[in-house]
C-alpha atoms as a PDB file:
ATOM      1  CA  MET A   1      87.322 109.843 110.721  1.00  0.00           C
ATOM      2  CA  GLU A   2      88.539 106.337 109.983  1.00  0.00           C
ATOM      3  CA  GLU A   3      92.297 105.751 109.784  1.00  0.00           C
ATOM      4  CA  ARG A   4      93.084 103.997 106.480  1.00  0.00           C
ATOM      5  CA  ARG A   5      96.869 103.855 106.669  1.00  0.00           C
ATOM      6  CA  VAL A   6      98.446 100.411 106.781  1.00  0.00           C
ATOM      7  CA  HIS A   7     101.673 101.671 108.413  1.00  0.00           C
ATOM      8  CA  PRO A   8     101.949 104.251 111.205  1.00  0.00           C
ATOM      9  CA  ARG A   9     103.429 107.554 110.096  1.00  0.00           C
ATOM     10  CA  ARG A  10     106.018 109.717 111.776  1.00  0.00           C
ATOM     11  CA  ARG A  11     106.504 113.433 111.394  1.00  0.00           C
ATOM     12  CA  VAL A  12     109.612 114.639 109.614  1.00  0.00           C
ATOM     13  CA  LEU A  13     110.838 117.807 107.972  1.00  0.00           C
ATOM     14  CA  LYS A  14     113.143 116.805 105.120  1.00  0.00           C
ATOM     15  CA  ARG A  15     114.125 118.373 101.820  1.00  0.00           C
ATOM     16  CA  VAL A  16     113.325 116.112  98.887  1.00  0.00           C
ATOM     17  CA  LYS A  17     113.161 116.528  95.130  1.00  0.00           C
ATOM     18  CA  ALA A  18     110.527 115.173  92.775  1.00  0.00           C
ATOM     19  CA  VAL A  19     112.172 114.165  89.503  1.00  0.00           C
ATOM     20  CA  PHE A  20     110.134 113.427  86.380  1.00  0.00           C
ATOM     21  CA  ASN A  21     109.931 113.934  82.621  1.00  0.00           C
ATOM     22  CA  ALA A  22     112.896 111.618  81.907  1.00  0.00           C
ATOM     23  CA  ASN A  23     114.969 113.428  84.591  1.00  0.00           C
ATOM     24  CA  ASN A  24     114.459 116.763  82.801  1.00  0.00           C
ATOM     25  CA  SER A  25     112.103 118.247  85.421  1.00  0.00           C
ATOM     26  CA  VAL A  26     112.804 118.719  89.124  1.00  0.00           C
ATOM     27  CA  MET A  27     110.518 120.148  91.796  1.00  0.00           C
ATOM     28  CA  ASP A  28     111.623 121.028  95.331  1.00  0.00           C
ATOM     29  CA  CYS A  29     109.380 119.620  98.050  1.00  0.00           C
ATOM     30  CA  VAL A  30     109.363 119.135 101.801  1.00  0.00           C
ATOM     31  CA  MET A  31     108.507 115.745 103.281  1.00  0.00           C
ATOM     32  CA  ARG A  32     106.107 116.319 106.198  1.00  0.00           C
ATOM     33  CA  ASP A  33     105.566 112.741 107.329  1.00  0.00           C
ATOM     34  CA  VAL A  34     106.696 109.276 106.319  1.00  0.00           C
ATOM     35  CA  SER A  35     105.790 105.636 106.907  1.00  0.00           C
ATOM     36  CA  LEU A  36     107.056 102.324 105.569  1.00  0.00           C
ATOM     37  CA  GLY A  37     104.564 102.594 102.716  1.00  0.00           C
ATOM     38  CA  GLY A  38     104.685 106.243 101.690  1.00  0.00           C
ATOM     39  CA  ALA A  39     104.970 109.920 102.544  1.00  0.00           C
ATOM     40  CA  ARG A  40     103.191 113.273 102.551  1.00  0.00           C
ATOM     41  CA  LEU A  41     104.942 115.976 100.559  1.00  0.00           C
ATOM     42  CA  SER A  42     104.426 119.710 100.540  1.00  0.00           C
ATOM     43  CA  CYS A  43     105.191 121.241  97.122  1.00  0.00           C
ATOM     44  CA  SER A  44     104.375 124.695  95.842  1.00  0.00           C
ATOM     45  CA  GLN A  45     102.839 123.225  92.672  1.00  0.00           C
ATOM     46  CA  ALA A  46     101.766 119.746  93.729  1.00  0.00           C
ATOM     47  CA  ALA A  47      99.047 119.703  91.047  1.00  0.00           C
ATOM     48  CA  LEU A  48     101.740 119.701  88.350  1.00  0.00           C
ATOM     49  CA  LEU A  49     103.376 116.478  89.536  1.00  0.00           C
ATOM     50  CA  PRO A  50     102.719 113.437  87.329  1.00  0.00           C
ATOM     51  CA  ASP A  51     101.078 110.317  88.751  1.00  0.00           C
ATOM     52  CA  ASN A  52     104.448 108.510  88.900  1.00  0.00           C
ATOM     53  CA  PHE A  53     107.842 110.051  89.563  1.00  0.00           C
ATOM     54  CA  ARG A  54     111.136 109.524  91.352  1.00  0.00           C
ATOM     55  CA  LEU A  55     111.611 110.978  94.832  1.00  0.00           C
ATOM     56  CA  VAL A  56     115.201 111.923  95.757  1.00  0.00           C
ATOM     57  CA  PHE A  57     116.072 112.099  99.466  1.00  0.00           C
ATOM     58  CA  ILE A  58     118.818 114.744  99.626  1.00  0.00           C
ATOM     59  CA  ALA A  59     120.314 114.014 103.079  1.00  0.00           C
ATOM     60  CA  GLU A  60     120.269 110.241 102.616  1.00  0.00           C
ATOM     61  CA  ARG A  61     121.491 110.399  98.996  1.00  0.00           C
ATOM     62  CA  GLU A  62     118.795 107.874  98.086  1.00  0.00           C
ATOM     63  CA  MET A  63     115.860 107.742  95.707  1.00  0.00           C
ATOM     64  CA  ARG A  64     112.624 105.814  95.335  1.00  0.00           C
ATOM     65  CA  ASP A  65     109.985 105.435  92.662  1.00  0.00           C
ATOM     66  CA  VAL A  66     106.620 106.679  93.929  1.00  0.00           C
ATOM     67  CA  ARG A  67     102.980 106.779  92.856  1.00  0.00           C
ATOM     68  CA  VAL A  68     100.560 109.557  93.815  1.00  0.00           C
ATOM     69  CA  ALA A  69      97.890 108.259  96.205  1.00  0.00           C
ATOM     70  CA  TRP A  70      96.087 111.591  96.727  1.00  0.00           C
ATOM     71  CA  ARG A  71      96.511 115.281  95.828  1.00  0.00           C
ATOM     72  CA  GLY A  72      95.728 118.630  97.344  1.00  0.00           C
ATOM     73  CA  LEU A  73      96.557 122.150  96.203  1.00  0.00           C
ATOM     74  CA  SER A  74      99.964 122.236  97.868  1.00  0.00           C
ATOM     75  CA  GLU A  75     100.348 118.691  99.202  1.00  0.00           C
ATOM     76  CA  VAL A  76     100.511 115.226  97.734  1.00  0.00           C
ATOM     77  CA  GLY A  77     100.518 111.787  99.303  1.00  0.00           C
ATOM     78  CA  VAL A  78     102.761 109.213  97.649  1.00  0.00           C
ATOM     79  CA  GLN A  79     103.110 105.462  97.886  1.00  0.00           C
ATOM     80  CA  PHE A  80     106.595 103.969  97.668  1.00  0.00           C
ATOM     81  CA  MET A  81     106.823 101.664  94.646  1.00  0.00           C
ATOM     82  CA  SER A  82     110.487 100.630  94.969  1.00  0.00           C
ATOM     83  CA  PRO A  83     112.959 100.032  97.764  1.00  0.00           C
ATOM     84  CA  PRO A  84     115.505 102.779  98.488  1.00  0.00           C
ATOM     85  CA  GLN A  85     118.287 102.972  95.902  1.00  0.00           C
ATOM     86  CA  LYS A  86     121.530 104.880  95.921  1.00  0.00           C
ATOM     87  CA  ALA A  87     121.052 108.161  94.045  1.00  0.00           C
ATOM     88  CA  PRO A  88     123.682 108.216  91.278  1.00  0.00           C
ATOM     89  CA  TYR A  89     123.715 112.009  91.427  1.00  0.00           C
ATOM     90  CA  LEU A  90     121.822 114.745  93.197  1.00  0.00           C
ATOM     91  CA  PHE A  91     119.805 117.321  91.366  1.00  0.00           C
ATOM     92  CA  PRO A  92     120.531 120.991  92.048  1.00  0.00           C
END
C-alpha cells in the first residue's frame, strides 16, 4: 500500500473535542495519531461530524480549524486548516 501522507505521523492518545454548529454542538473524540498536517480521530459517531469543524485540544488549551480528509464508521482523518490558537474557553 502506497504511503500518501506528506508529513510523518506519531501515535498519541489525547482527549479532544469536535465543536461545530456555531459552537452549539460538541462531540468527544480521542486523537490516535497526529502529524504537522493533520490527525486521526476516534469518535463514537464520526459519520455525524460536518466536513469542517473546530478541534479543541483539552490539555494544550488550544484549538484549530480542520477539514475532514476521510471518514470511517468510528474514525475520521482531518487536515489542519489553521495554526494553533488559544482556546478562549473549554467545552464541558
